[in-house]
Protein backbone atom coordinates (compact mmCIF):
# COMPACT_ATOMS: atom_id res chain seq x y z
CA UNK A 1 79.08 81.26 99.91
CA UNK A 2 81.53 84.10 100.50
CA UNK A 3 82.05 87.65 99.28
CA UNK A 4 83.66 86.33 96.13
CA UNK A 5 82.85 88.09 92.85
CA UNK A 6 82.26 84.87 90.91
CA UNK A 7 80.01 83.46 93.64
CA UNK A 8 78.05 86.71 93.76
CA UNK A 9 77.66 86.88 89.98
CA UNK A 10 76.50 83.27 89.77
CA UNK A 11 73.97 83.87 92.54
CA UNK A 12 72.45 86.68 90.45
CA UNK A 13 72.43 84.52 87.30
CA UNK A 14 70.51 81.84 89.14
CA UNK A 15 67.62 84.17 90.01
CA UNK A 16 67.37 86.12 86.71
CA UNK A 17 68.89 83.78 84.05
CA UNK A 18 66.75 85.02 81.14
CA UNK A 19 67.15 88.72 81.92
CA UNK A 20 69.27 90.66 79.42
CA UNK A 21 72.69 91.31 80.94
CA UNK A 22 74.76 92.83 78.16
CA UNK A 23 74.29 94.79 74.94
CA UNK A 24 77.50 95.26 72.99
CA UNK A 25 77.85 97.58 69.98
CA UNK A 26 80.94 96.51 68.05
CA UNK A 27 81.20 99.25 65.42
CA UNK A 28 79.04 102.25 66.31
CA UNK A 29 76.83 103.33 63.45
CA UNK A 30 76.88 99.97 61.63
CA UNK A 31 74.14 98.35 63.66
CA UNK A 32 76.37 95.37 64.54
CA UNK A 33 75.59 94.30 68.07
CA UNK A 34 75.43 91.33 70.43
CA UNK A 35 72.92 90.72 73.20
CA UNK A 36 73.44 88.22 76.00
CA UNK A 37 71.22 87.15 78.85
CA UNK A 38 72.70 86.47 82.28
CA UNK A 39 72.61 82.73 81.55
CA UNK A 40 74.35 83.18 78.18
CA UNK A 41 77.10 85.36 79.65
CA UNK A 42 77.55 82.87 82.48
CA UNK A 43 77.90 79.97 80.04
CA UNK A 44 80.39 81.90 77.88
CA UNK A 45 82.53 82.57 80.96
CA UNK A 46 82.26 78.92 82.09
CA UNK A 47 83.55 77.68 78.74
CA UNK A 48 86.58 79.98 78.78
CA UNK A 49 87.32 79.18 82.42
CA UNK A 50 87.36 75.45 81.68
CA UNK A 51 89.58 76.01 78.65
CA UNK A 52 92.10 77.94 80.72
CA UNK A 53 92.21 75.27 83.42
CA UNK A 54 92.48 72.50 80.81
CA UNK A 55 95.35 74.43 79.17
CA UNK A 56 97.28 74.36 82.45
CA UNK A 57 96.63 77.86 83.77
CA UNK A 58 96.43 77.24 87.49
CA UNK A 59 94.36 78.97 90.19
CA UNK A 60 96.35 81.88 91.60
CA UNK A 61 98.28 82.49 88.37
CA UNK A 62 97.86 85.78 86.51
CA UNK A 63 96.13 86.37 83.18
CA UNK A 64 96.36 89.62 81.21
CA UNK A 65 93.43 91.18 79.37
CA UNK A 66 94.90 93.04 76.38
CA UNK A 67 91.53 93.94 74.89
CA UNK A 68 89.24 96.70 73.74
CA UNK A 69 85.77 96.86 75.27
CA UNK A 70 83.66 93.90 74.28
CA UNK A 71 81.83 90.77 75.32
CA UNK A 72 85.20 89.01 75.41
CA UNK A 73 86.56 91.37 78.04
CA UNK A 74 83.78 90.62 80.52
CA UNK A 75 83.73 86.94 79.53
CA UNK A 76 87.45 86.75 80.36
CA UNK A 77 87.20 88.60 83.68
CA UNK A 78 84.36 86.34 84.78
CA UNK A 79 86.20 83.23 83.54
CA UNK A 80 89.24 84.18 85.64
CA UNK A 81 87.11 84.77 88.72
CA UNK A 82 85.32 81.45 88.28
CA UNK A 83 88.60 79.52 87.91
CA UNK A 84 90.36 81.51 90.68
CA UNK A 85 92.83 82.87 88.10
CA UNK A 86 93.83 86.48 88.83
CA UNK A 87 92.72 88.95 86.11
CA UNK A 88 95.15 91.75 85.22
CA UNK A 89 94.18 94.69 83.01
CA UNK A 90 96.56 95.72 80.21
CA UNK A 91 96.55 99.22 78.75
CA UNK A 92 95.94 98.67 75.03
CA UNK A 93 97.86 101.84 74.16
CA UNK A 94 101.10 100.45 75.49
CA UNK A 95 103.91 99.75 73.03
CA UNK A 96 106.65 97.13 73.22
CA UNK A 97 108.75 98.38 76.15
CA UNK A 98 105.72 99.23 78.27
CA UNK A 99 104.15 95.86 77.55
CA UNK A 100 107.35 94.02 78.44
CA UNK A 101 107.41 95.87 81.75
CA UNK A 102 103.79 95.09 82.59
CA UNK A 103 103.82 91.47 81.38
CA UNK A 104 106.91 90.82 83.51
CA UNK A 105 105.97 92.92 86.53
CA UNK A 106 102.55 91.27 86.71
CA UNK A 107 104.02 87.76 86.24
CA UNK A 108 101.53 86.97 83.49
CA UNK A 109 101.30 83.30 82.56
CA UNK A 110 98.39 83.72 80.13
CA UNK A 111 97.06 86.47 77.89
CA UNK A 112 93.78 87.07 76.07
CA UNK A 113 94.32 89.71 73.40
CA UNK A 114 92.59 91.38 70.48
CA UNK A 115 94.03 90.24 67.15
CA UNK A 116 94.90 93.77 66.05
CA UNK A 117 97.50 93.85 68.84
CA UNK A 118 99.26 90.75 67.46
CA UNK A 119 102.47 92.51 66.44
CA UNK A 120 102.80 94.27 69.80
CA UNK A 121 102.26 91.02 71.67
CA UNK A 122 104.77 89.26 69.42
CA UNK A 123 107.38 91.96 70.08
CA UNK A 124 106.99 91.71 73.87
CA UNK A 125 106.69 87.94 74.10
CA UNK A 126 110.41 86.94 73.84
CA UNK A 127 111.20 88.91 77.00
CA UNK A 128 108.11 87.76 78.92
CA UNK A 129 109.42 84.43 80.12
CA UNK A 130 106.44 83.34 82.22
CA UNK A 131 103.85 83.98 79.51
CA UNK A 132 103.04 80.55 78.09
CA UNK A 133 99.38 80.49 76.95
CA UNK A 134 97.77 82.88 74.47
CA UNK A 135 94.12 83.22 73.45
CA UNK A 136 93.38 85.43 70.44
CA UNK A 137 90.14 87.34 69.87
CA UNK A 138 89.39 87.80 66.17
CA UNK A 139 91.48 87.24 63.06
CA UNK A 140 94.97 88.77 62.90
CA UNK A 141 95.61 91.48 60.30
CA UNK A 142 97.19 90.44 57.02
CA UNK A 143 100.95 90.19 57.40
CA UNK A 144 100.85 90.11 61.20
CA UNK A 145 103.41 88.08 63.13
CA UNK A 146 102.69 84.38 63.56
CA UNK A 147 101.90 83.51 67.18
CA UNK A 148 101.04 80.20 68.81
CA UNK A 149 97.67 81.43 70.04
CA UNK A 150 94.34 79.62 70.37
CA UNK A 151 91.41 81.45 68.73
CA UNK A 152 88.78 82.23 71.37
CA UNK A 153 86.02 80.62 69.34
CA UNK A 154 88.02 77.40 69.11
CA UNK A 155 89.01 77.55 72.78
CA UNK A 156 85.42 77.78 73.96
CA UNK A 157 83.58 75.66 71.39
CA UNK A 158 84.68 72.33 72.86
CA UNK A 159 84.86 73.45 76.49
CA UNK A 160 82.44 72.50 79.26
CA UNK A 161 79.52 74.99 79.39
CA UNK A 162 78.69 74.14 83.00
CA UNK A 163 80.20 75.33 86.23
CA UNK A 164 81.74 72.53 88.24
CA UNK A 165 84.48 74.70 89.74
CA UNK A 166 86.02 74.28 93.16
CA UNK A 167 85.20 76.39 96.21
CA UNK A 168 86.24 80.02 96.16
CA UNK A 169 87.06 82.59 98.81
CA UNK A 170 86.72 86.25 99.62
CA UNK A 171 90.51 86.15 99.86
CA UNK A 172 90.82 85.42 96.13
CA UNK A 173 92.73 88.21 94.42
CA UNK A 174 91.95 90.85 91.80
CA UNK A 175 94.77 93.04 90.43
CA UNK A 176 94.14 96.45 88.86
CA UNK A 177 97.14 98.10 87.23
CA UNK A 178 97.02 101.87 87.45
CA UNK A 179 99.21 104.11 85.35
CA UNK A 180 98.24 107.18 87.34
CA UNK A 181 99.75 110.45 86.15
CA UNK A 182 103.46 109.72 86.56
CA UNK A 183 105.83 106.76 86.74
CA UNK A 184 105.50 103.17 85.65
CA UNK A 185 102.19 101.37 86.21
CA UNK A 186 101.59 99.72 89.59
CA UNK A 187 99.45 96.66 90.26
CA UNK A 188 97.01 97.27 93.11
CA UNK A 189 96.39 93.99 94.89
CA UNK A 190 92.82 93.61 96.15
CA UNK A 191 91.13 90.84 98.12
CA UNK A 192 87.77 90.36 96.40
CA UNK A 193 85.84 90.89 99.63
CA UNK A 194 87.57 94.22 100.16
CA UNK A 195 86.94 95.26 96.56
CA UNK A 196 83.27 94.32 96.91
CA UNK A 197 82.79 96.69 99.81
CA UNK A 198 85.21 99.50 98.88
CA UNK A 199 84.80 99.62 95.10
CA UNK A 200 81.36 98.07 94.61
CA UNK A 201 79.60 99.59 97.64
CA UNK A 202 78.73 96.23 99.12
CA UNK A 203 76.11 95.65 96.44
CA UNK A 204 74.22 98.94 96.80
CA UNK A 205 75.78 102.36 96.06
CA UNK A 206 72.68 104.25 97.19
CA UNK A 207 71.67 102.29 100.26
CA UNK A 208 72.81 99.74 102.80
CA UNK A 209 75.52 97.20 101.96
CA UNK A 210 74.41 93.60 102.15
CA UNK A 211 74.89 91.85 105.47
CA UNK A 212 75.29 88.36 103.95
CA UNK A 213 76.56 87.26 100.50
CA UNK A 214 73.23 85.52 99.84
CA UNK A 215 71.38 88.80 100.37
CA UNK A 216 72.61 90.16 97.03
CA UNK A 217 70.60 87.67 94.96
CA UNK A 218 67.64 87.98 97.33
CA UNK A 219 67.50 91.70 96.58
CA UNK A 220 67.75 91.07 92.83
CA UNK A 221 64.97 88.50 92.97
CA UNK A 222 62.73 90.90 94.86
CA UNK A 223 63.33 93.73 92.39
CA UNK A 224 62.71 94.13 88.70
CA UNK A 225 64.52 94.96 85.47
CA UNK A 226 64.49 98.32 83.74
CA UNK A 227 67.80 100.02 84.61
CA UNK A 228 70.52 100.25 81.95
CA UNK A 229 74.09 101.20 82.84
CA UNK A 230 76.50 102.54 80.22
CA UNK A 231 80.17 102.56 81.29
CA UNK A 232 81.68 104.56 78.41
CA UNK A 233 85.42 104.52 79.25
CA UNK A 234 87.65 101.54 78.44
CA UNK A 235 87.11 98.46 80.61
CA UNK A 236 90.90 98.25 80.97
CA UNK A 237 90.53 101.02 83.58
CA UNK A 238 88.99 100.12 86.90
CA UNK A 239 86.13 102.64 86.73
CA UNK A 240 84.30 100.91 83.88
CA UNK A 241 84.87 97.36 85.08
CA UNK A 242 83.64 98.23 88.57
CA UNK A 243 80.61 100.07 87.15
CA UNK A 244 79.76 96.94 85.17
CA UNK A 245 79.90 94.76 88.27
CA UNK A 246 77.74 97.25 90.16
CA UNK A 247 75.14 96.80 87.41
CA UNK A 248 75.42 93.02 87.58
CA UNK A 249 74.96 93.13 91.35
CA UNK A 250 71.67 94.91 90.75
CA UNK A 251 70.71 92.27 88.16
CA UNK A 252 70.44 95.01 85.55
CA UNK A 253 71.62 95.57 82.01
CA UNK A 254 74.99 96.91 80.77
CA UNK A 255 75.59 98.61 77.41
CA UNK A 256 79.11 98.72 75.96
CA UNK A 257 80.75 100.35 72.96
CA UNK A 258 84.04 99.08 71.58
CA UNK A 259 85.44 102.64 71.46
CA UNK A 260 84.27 106.04 72.63
CA UNK A 261 82.53 107.97 69.84
CA UNK A 262 80.41 110.75 71.42
CA UNK A 263 77.80 110.91 68.65
CA UNK A 264 77.23 107.16 68.80
CA UNK A 265 77.10 107.24 72.58
CA UNK A 266 74.19 109.69 72.37
CA UNK A 267 72.42 107.55 69.78
CA UNK A 268 72.80 104.51 72.03
CA UNK A 269 71.47 106.40 75.07
CA UNK A 270 68.34 107.15 73.04
CA UNK A 271 67.98 103.69 71.41
CA UNK A 272 68.66 101.59 74.52
CA UNK A 273 66.97 103.98 76.94
CA UNK A 274 70.09 104.24 79.07
CA UNK A 275 69.43 105.13 82.70
CA UNK A 276 72.93 105.85 83.97
CA UNK A 277 76.14 106.67 82.10
CA UNK A 278 79.63 106.92 83.57
CA UNK A 279 82.49 108.86 82.00
CA UNK A 280 85.84 110.29 83.07
CA UNK A 281 86.11 114.05 83.44
CA UNK A 282 86.06 116.89 80.95
CA UNK A 283 88.14 115.03 78.36
CA UNK A 284 85.20 112.71 77.66
CA UNK A 285 82.40 115.11 78.53
CA UNK A 286 83.33 118.11 76.37
CA UNK A 287 83.06 116.17 73.07
CA UNK A 288 79.74 114.75 74.28
CA UNK A 289 78.49 118.27 75.02
CA UNK A 290 79.64 119.48 71.58
CA UNK A 291 77.73 116.66 69.91
CA UNK A 292 74.59 117.25 71.96
CA UNK A 293 74.68 121.00 71.37
CA UNK A 294 75.42 120.51 67.65
CA UNK A 295 74.67 117.62 65.27
CA UNK A 296 72.86 115.50 67.89
CA UNK A 297 70.70 118.32 69.25
CA UNK A 298 67.27 116.97 70.09
CA UNK A 299 68.45 113.46 71.03
CA UNK A 300 65.89 111.87 73.33
CA UNK A 301 67.57 111.58 76.72
CA UNK A 302 64.35 111.21 78.69
CA UNK A 303 65.33 107.82 80.11
CA UNK A 304 68.68 109.09 81.39
CA UNK A 305 68.58 109.61 85.14
CA UNK A 306 72.23 110.07 86.16
CA UNK A 307 75.59 110.98 84.66
CA UNK A 308 78.66 110.33 86.75
CA UNK A 309 82.32 111.20 86.38
CA UNK A 310 85.03 109.24 88.19
CA UNK A 311 88.80 109.24 87.90
CA UNK A 312 89.04 112.88 86.79
CA UNK A 313 87.35 116.07 87.93
CA UNK A 314 84.27 117.35 86.11
CA UNK A 315 84.81 121.11 85.98
CA UNK A 316 82.14 123.60 86.98
CA UNK A 317 82.04 124.90 83.39
CA UNK A 318 81.19 121.43 82.10
CA UNK A 319 78.65 120.87 84.86
CA UNK A 320 76.92 124.13 83.94
CA UNK A 321 76.75 123.13 80.27
CA UNK A 322 75.36 119.70 81.16
CA UNK A 323 72.73 121.22 83.46
CA UNK A 324 71.56 123.37 80.55
CA UNK A 325 71.52 120.53 78.01
CA UNK A 326 70.04 117.84 80.28
CA UNK A 327 68.37 119.61 83.22
CA UNK A 328 66.56 116.48 84.40
CA UNK A 329 69.77 114.44 84.85
CA UNK A 330 71.52 114.07 88.21
CA UNK A 331 75.22 114.96 87.82
CA UNK A 332 77.57 113.02 90.10
CA UNK A 333 81.18 114.11 90.48
CA UNK A 334 82.63 111.06 92.21
CA UNK A 335 86.05 110.88 93.82
CA UNK A 336 88.10 107.76 94.41
CA UNK A 337 91.15 105.86 93.29
CA UNK A 338 92.34 102.41 92.34
CA UNK A 339 93.97 102.19 95.77
CA UNK A 340 90.88 103.14 97.78
CA UNK A 341 87.71 102.53 95.82
CA UNK A 342 85.21 105.29 96.53
CA UNK A 343 86.09 108.17 98.87
CA UNK A 344 83.17 110.50 98.34
CA UNK A 345 81.33 112.89 96.06
CA UNK A 346 81.80 116.56 95.21
CA UNK A 347 79.60 119.14 96.89
CA UNK A 348 77.22 121.30 94.85
CA UNK A 349 79.38 124.37 95.49
CA UNK A 350 82.60 122.70 94.39
CA UNK A 351 84.36 124.76 91.73
CA UNK A 352 86.99 127.41 90.96
CA UNK A 353 85.84 129.75 93.71
CA UNK A 354 85.86 127.30 96.64
CA UNK A 355 87.98 124.45 95.31
CA UNK A 356 87.16 120.80 94.78
CA UNK A 357 85.09 120.04 97.88
CA UNK A 358 83.95 116.57 98.92
CA UNK A 359 81.46 114.89 101.18
CA UNK A 360 83.61 111.90 102.12
CA UNK A 361 82.54 108.55 103.49
CA UNK A 362 83.08 107.58 107.12
CA UNK A 363 86.23 105.59 106.26
CA UNK A 364 88.08 108.57 104.75
CA UNK A 365 90.18 111.06 106.74
CA UNK A 366 92.82 113.72 106.17
CA UNK A 367 95.95 112.72 108.08
CA UNK A 368 99.39 114.12 108.76
CA UNK A 369 101.72 112.04 106.54
CA UNK A 370 104.43 112.11 109.22
CA UNK A 371 102.37 111.06 112.25
CA UNK A 372 99.44 109.40 110.39
CA UNK A 373 97.12 111.15 112.83
CA UNK A 374 94.10 113.26 111.74
CA UNK A 375 95.01 116.87 110.95
CA UNK A 376 93.48 119.89 112.65
CA UNK A 377 90.73 121.82 110.91
CA UNK A 378 92.23 123.82 108.05
CA UNK A 379 95.64 122.11 108.17
CA UNK A 380 97.01 120.43 105.04
CA UNK A 381 97.40 116.66 105.10
CA UNK A 382 96.93 113.64 102.87
CA UNK A 383 93.77 111.73 102.19
CA UNK A 384 93.70 108.29 103.76
CA UNK A 385 91.13 105.51 103.91
CA UNK A 386 90.73 102.66 106.33
CA UNK A 387 89.04 99.28 106.49
CA UNK A 388 88.47 97.55 103.16
CA UNK A 389 91.68 98.62 101.41
CA UNK A 390 94.11 96.73 99.14
CA UNK A 391 96.86 94.46 100.41
CA UNK A 392 99.43 96.61 98.64
CA UNK A 393 101.20 96.89 95.30
CA UNK A 394 102.10 93.67 93.52
CA UNK A 395 105.85 93.10 93.30
CA UNK A 396 106.66 96.40 95.02
CA UNK A 397 107.25 96.00 98.78
CA UNK A 398 108.97 99.40 99.08
CA UNK A 399 106.06 101.33 97.57
CA UNK A 400 103.63 99.19 99.58
CA UNK A 401 105.39 100.17 102.81
CA UNK A 402 105.13 103.86 101.84
CA UNK A 403 101.44 103.71 101.02
CA UNK A 404 99.77 101.10 103.24
CA UNK A 405 99.92 100.94 107.03
CA UNK A 406 98.14 99.51 110.03
CA UNK A 407 96.95 101.48 113.06
CA UNK A 408 95.19 99.98 116.06
CA UNK A 409 94.65 96.76 114.15
CA UNK A 410 92.98 98.52 111.20
CA UNK A 411 94.44 98.63 107.68
CA UNK A 412 94.86 102.03 106.00
CA UNK A 413 95.94 103.36 102.62
CA UNK A 414 97.68 106.74 102.39
CA UNK A 415 96.65 108.37 99.12
CA UNK A 416 98.64 110.87 97.09
CA UNK A 417 96.07 113.66 97.28
CA UNK A 418 96.74 116.63 99.56
CA UNK A 419 93.67 118.04 101.27
CA UNK A 420 92.20 120.06 104.12
CA UNK A 421 89.07 119.44 106.18
CA UNK A 422 86.70 122.08 107.58
CA UNK A 423 84.66 122.16 110.77
CA UNK A 424 81.72 120.46 109.04
CA UNK A 425 83.86 117.57 107.84
CA UNK A 426 83.87 118.74 104.22
CA UNK A 427 87.20 117.93 102.55
CA UNK A 428 88.84 120.23 100.01
CA UNK A 429 91.18 118.32 97.70
CA UNK A 430 94.18 120.42 96.72
CA UNK A 431 95.79 117.99 94.29
CA UNK A 432 98.42 115.30 94.01
CA UNK A 433 101.39 115.99 96.22
CA UNK A 434 103.72 114.61 93.55
CA UNK A 435 102.54 117.32 91.12
CA UNK A 436 102.70 120.22 93.57
CA UNK A 437 104.63 123.20 92.16
CA UNK A 438 106.88 125.12 94.55
CA UNK A 439 107.12 128.65 93.19
CA UNK A 440 108.92 131.19 95.35
CA UNK A 441 108.21 129.09 98.43
CA UNK A 442 104.46 128.92 97.74
CA UNK A 443 102.73 125.63 96.87
CA UNK A 444 100.51 125.45 93.82
CA UNK A 445 98.42 122.40 92.95
CA UNK A 446 97.87 121.99 89.19
CA UNK A 447 94.28 120.79 89.52
CA UNK A 448 93.20 124.07 91.13
CA UNK A 449 94.73 126.13 88.33
CA UNK A 450 93.27 123.81 85.69
CA UNK A 451 89.79 124.35 87.11
CA UNK A 452 90.23 128.12 86.76
CA UNK A 453 91.60 127.80 83.23
CA UNK A 454 88.77 125.57 82.06
CA UNK A 455 86.20 128.07 83.26
CA UNK A 456 87.36 130.35 80.41
CA UNK A 457 84.84 130.11 77.55
CA UNK A 458 87.56 129.71 74.90
CA UNK A 459 89.57 127.01 76.70
CA UNK A 460 88.56 123.47 75.81
CA UNK A 461 91.09 121.60 77.96
CA UNK A 462 94.20 122.40 79.98
CA UNK A 463 97.01 120.90 82.01
CA UNK A 464 99.36 122.73 84.36
CA UNK A 465 102.98 121.88 85.15
CA UNK A 466 105.93 123.40 86.95
CA UNK A 467 108.87 124.57 84.84
CA UNK A 468 112.32 125.27 86.34
CA UNK A 469 112.79 129.00 86.92
CA UNK A 470 116.03 130.76 87.98
CA UNK A 471 114.13 133.30 90.10
CA UNK A 472 111.23 131.35 91.58
CA UNK A 473 112.59 127.82 91.57
CA UNK A 474 109.65 126.83 89.37
CA UNK A 475 106.96 128.80 87.62
CA UNK A 476 103.40 127.79 86.75
CA UNK A 477 102.96 126.88 83.08
CA UNK A 478 99.59 126.33 81.40
CA UNK A 479 99.33 124.00 78.40
CA UNK A 480 96.04 124.87 76.76
CA UNK A 481 93.84 123.47 74.01
CA UNK A 482 91.52 126.17 72.76
CA UNK A 483 87.96 125.67 71.67
CA UNK A 484 87.68 125.24 67.90
CA UNK A 485 86.98 128.51 66.10
CA UNK A 486 88.01 130.78 68.97
CA UNK A 487 90.55 133.56 68.49
CA UNK A 488 94.09 132.72 69.70
CA UNK A 489 94.55 133.44 73.38
CA UNK A 490 97.44 135.41 74.78
CA UNK A 491 99.13 135.05 78.13
CA UNK A 492 97.82 138.38 79.42
CA UNK A 493 94.19 137.47 78.74
CA UNK A 494 94.62 134.10 80.44
CA UNK A 495 96.26 135.73 83.46
CA UNK A 496 93.45 138.30 83.78
CA UNK A 497 90.89 135.51 83.75
CA UNK A 498 92.76 133.42 86.33
CA UNK A 499 93.20 136.36 88.73
CA UNK A 500 89.42 136.37 89.23
CA UNK A 501 89.67 132.88 90.74
CA UNK A 502 93.22 132.47 92.06
CA UNK A 503 95.79 134.16 94.27
CA UNK A 504 98.49 135.93 92.26
CA UNK A 505 101.22 133.35 92.86
CA UNK A 506 99.01 130.62 91.33
CA UNK A 507 98.42 132.50 88.07
CA UNK A 508 100.29 130.96 85.10
CA UNK A 509 103.45 132.79 84.04
CA UNK A 510 103.70 130.83 80.82
CA UNK A 511 101.14 129.78 78.21
CA UNK A 512 101.61 127.06 75.61
CA UNK A 513 98.86 126.50 73.05
CA UNK A 514 98.49 122.99 71.68
CA UNK A 515 96.19 121.29 69.20
CA UNK A 516 95.31 118.65 71.76
CA UNK A 517 95.91 117.76 75.39
CA UNK A 518 97.49 114.35 75.80
CA UNK A 519 95.56 112.10 78.16
CA UNK A 520 95.13 108.39 78.76
CA UNK A 521 92.12 106.64 77.13
CA UNK A 522 90.29 107.06 80.44
CA UNK A 523 90.88 110.82 80.51
CA UNK A 524 93.67 110.89 83.09
CA UNK A 525 96.18 113.71 82.77
CA UNK A 526 99.61 113.03 81.29
CA UNK A 527 101.67 115.42 83.39
CA UNK A 528 104.98 114.14 82.10
CA UNK A 529 103.92 115.20 78.61
CA UNK A 530 102.68 118.61 79.85
CA UNK A 531 105.94 119.30 81.70
CA UNK A 532 108.01 118.31 78.66
CA UNK A 533 105.98 120.53 76.31
CA UNK A 534 106.13 123.51 78.68
CA UNK A 535 109.85 123.10 79.43
CA UNK A 536 110.72 122.90 75.74
CA UNK A 537 108.60 125.97 75.01
CA UNK A 538 110.31 127.88 77.82
CA UNK A 539 113.73 127.01 76.43
CA UNK A 540 112.66 128.43 73.08
CA UNK A 541 111.47 131.69 74.55
CA UNK A 542 108.35 131.16 76.63
CA UNK A 543 104.90 130.98 75.11
CA UNK A 544 104.48 129.20 71.81
CA UNK A 545 102.26 126.92 69.78
CA UNK A 546 103.13 123.32 70.61
CA UNK A 547 103.28 120.67 67.86
């Protein structure tokens, strides 16, 4: 047995086969749900894996998951791992051109997709030459394009329910496509052993990683049930899929919703006695807070022990509101990336006054991007992580060479986040270097300004971008979504608020009010959209109400 995700999952199944593994709520509020034990989920994955192999999808080939959250998503990931087919996540918001790019860039030979995406798949298929086998989940909408796809139920009904797969390896691959905040999506190429230790904490986020693959099941067998994990973001983003596997490696239960509806999330926390929920930043947390403070006030959250945010910063304002509404819950502001797994966790004093401060793990350093050596205390460098890191970006040797390197026989990944480190080893993350705004020769990181903006009681969400300026080169522009019912904000009031937290050159010189902030389904910022909105507003005379 090796550190292979299918081997590890099967080892857990074998010691707790009748334990409930998954609760899936299809349409929140309707009561429609599915419950699977570990043995049932294992058999469902076996059947699909055998179907894929029988259909000619070979080990090492790539399969796309173009799916909402559901049993089928996890069934497909596990089926791929069992058959040594490489799973590739597909952003379900992508339209034709984006799908063509991803299908081709990822060299997909097979696709499992939700029926409601039939027309998008059909539009992209003629230019996706390698894609030869389709499995459809559900019935296509009336009038949808005709595709030569096998219904999942039909594909699995006649397939072998047993295992009977060949040997696997810790070198087997897992690809996670990350859209990030700018540019086309990139496929991060992980060895499963590296992903197990870097993204899944070696089987134990709160303690010691396992020393042997067999130890994972031994720990599960020695423990008991009773913990329920609720990854609320889409599984198509790494955070939720990895959270699910962390739960499986504990032999515990996972709850899923098809889509994120804050009111239904709270009802499920109460009904299923959820222990730990993971979300992504303020974009997901603020609606949850509004529901808990309003129509869902009084929801029983007594079973909830921890709430974690990964992939986007949880602002101090949101943390304060959560502490008031659920004082017994541990709030975890995690920091990591698709390219590194986990880097660390925010300090208790992290916020607008001191910046986003992290206790990082022993594999994370701040390095000089030119020399790749650790920076001096207080100097600005880039976050880097060593050891269990990805092999690189799929189909992108140039970007791989820029981001991944080897030093003294150890593999490293150079991340995009600029940071400093203090004498105690605490890291302050300044922001993405690619988003840094140069205004009058001074550098401004949008994330720092956004933290200050979101501490204003009338600001619900905000993004910051640099807009070309004839005097300063660029000026800081704030794109702001106000809290419902609040009086319209003016630039002067926003500037006065920000000056309490920021140096003068960081204070926004332009304010654009918008009905909503555009983000990815996982809550990641869309800085291209923010820059476009702010630039267009500037051309029309500065501050305005965006469409």
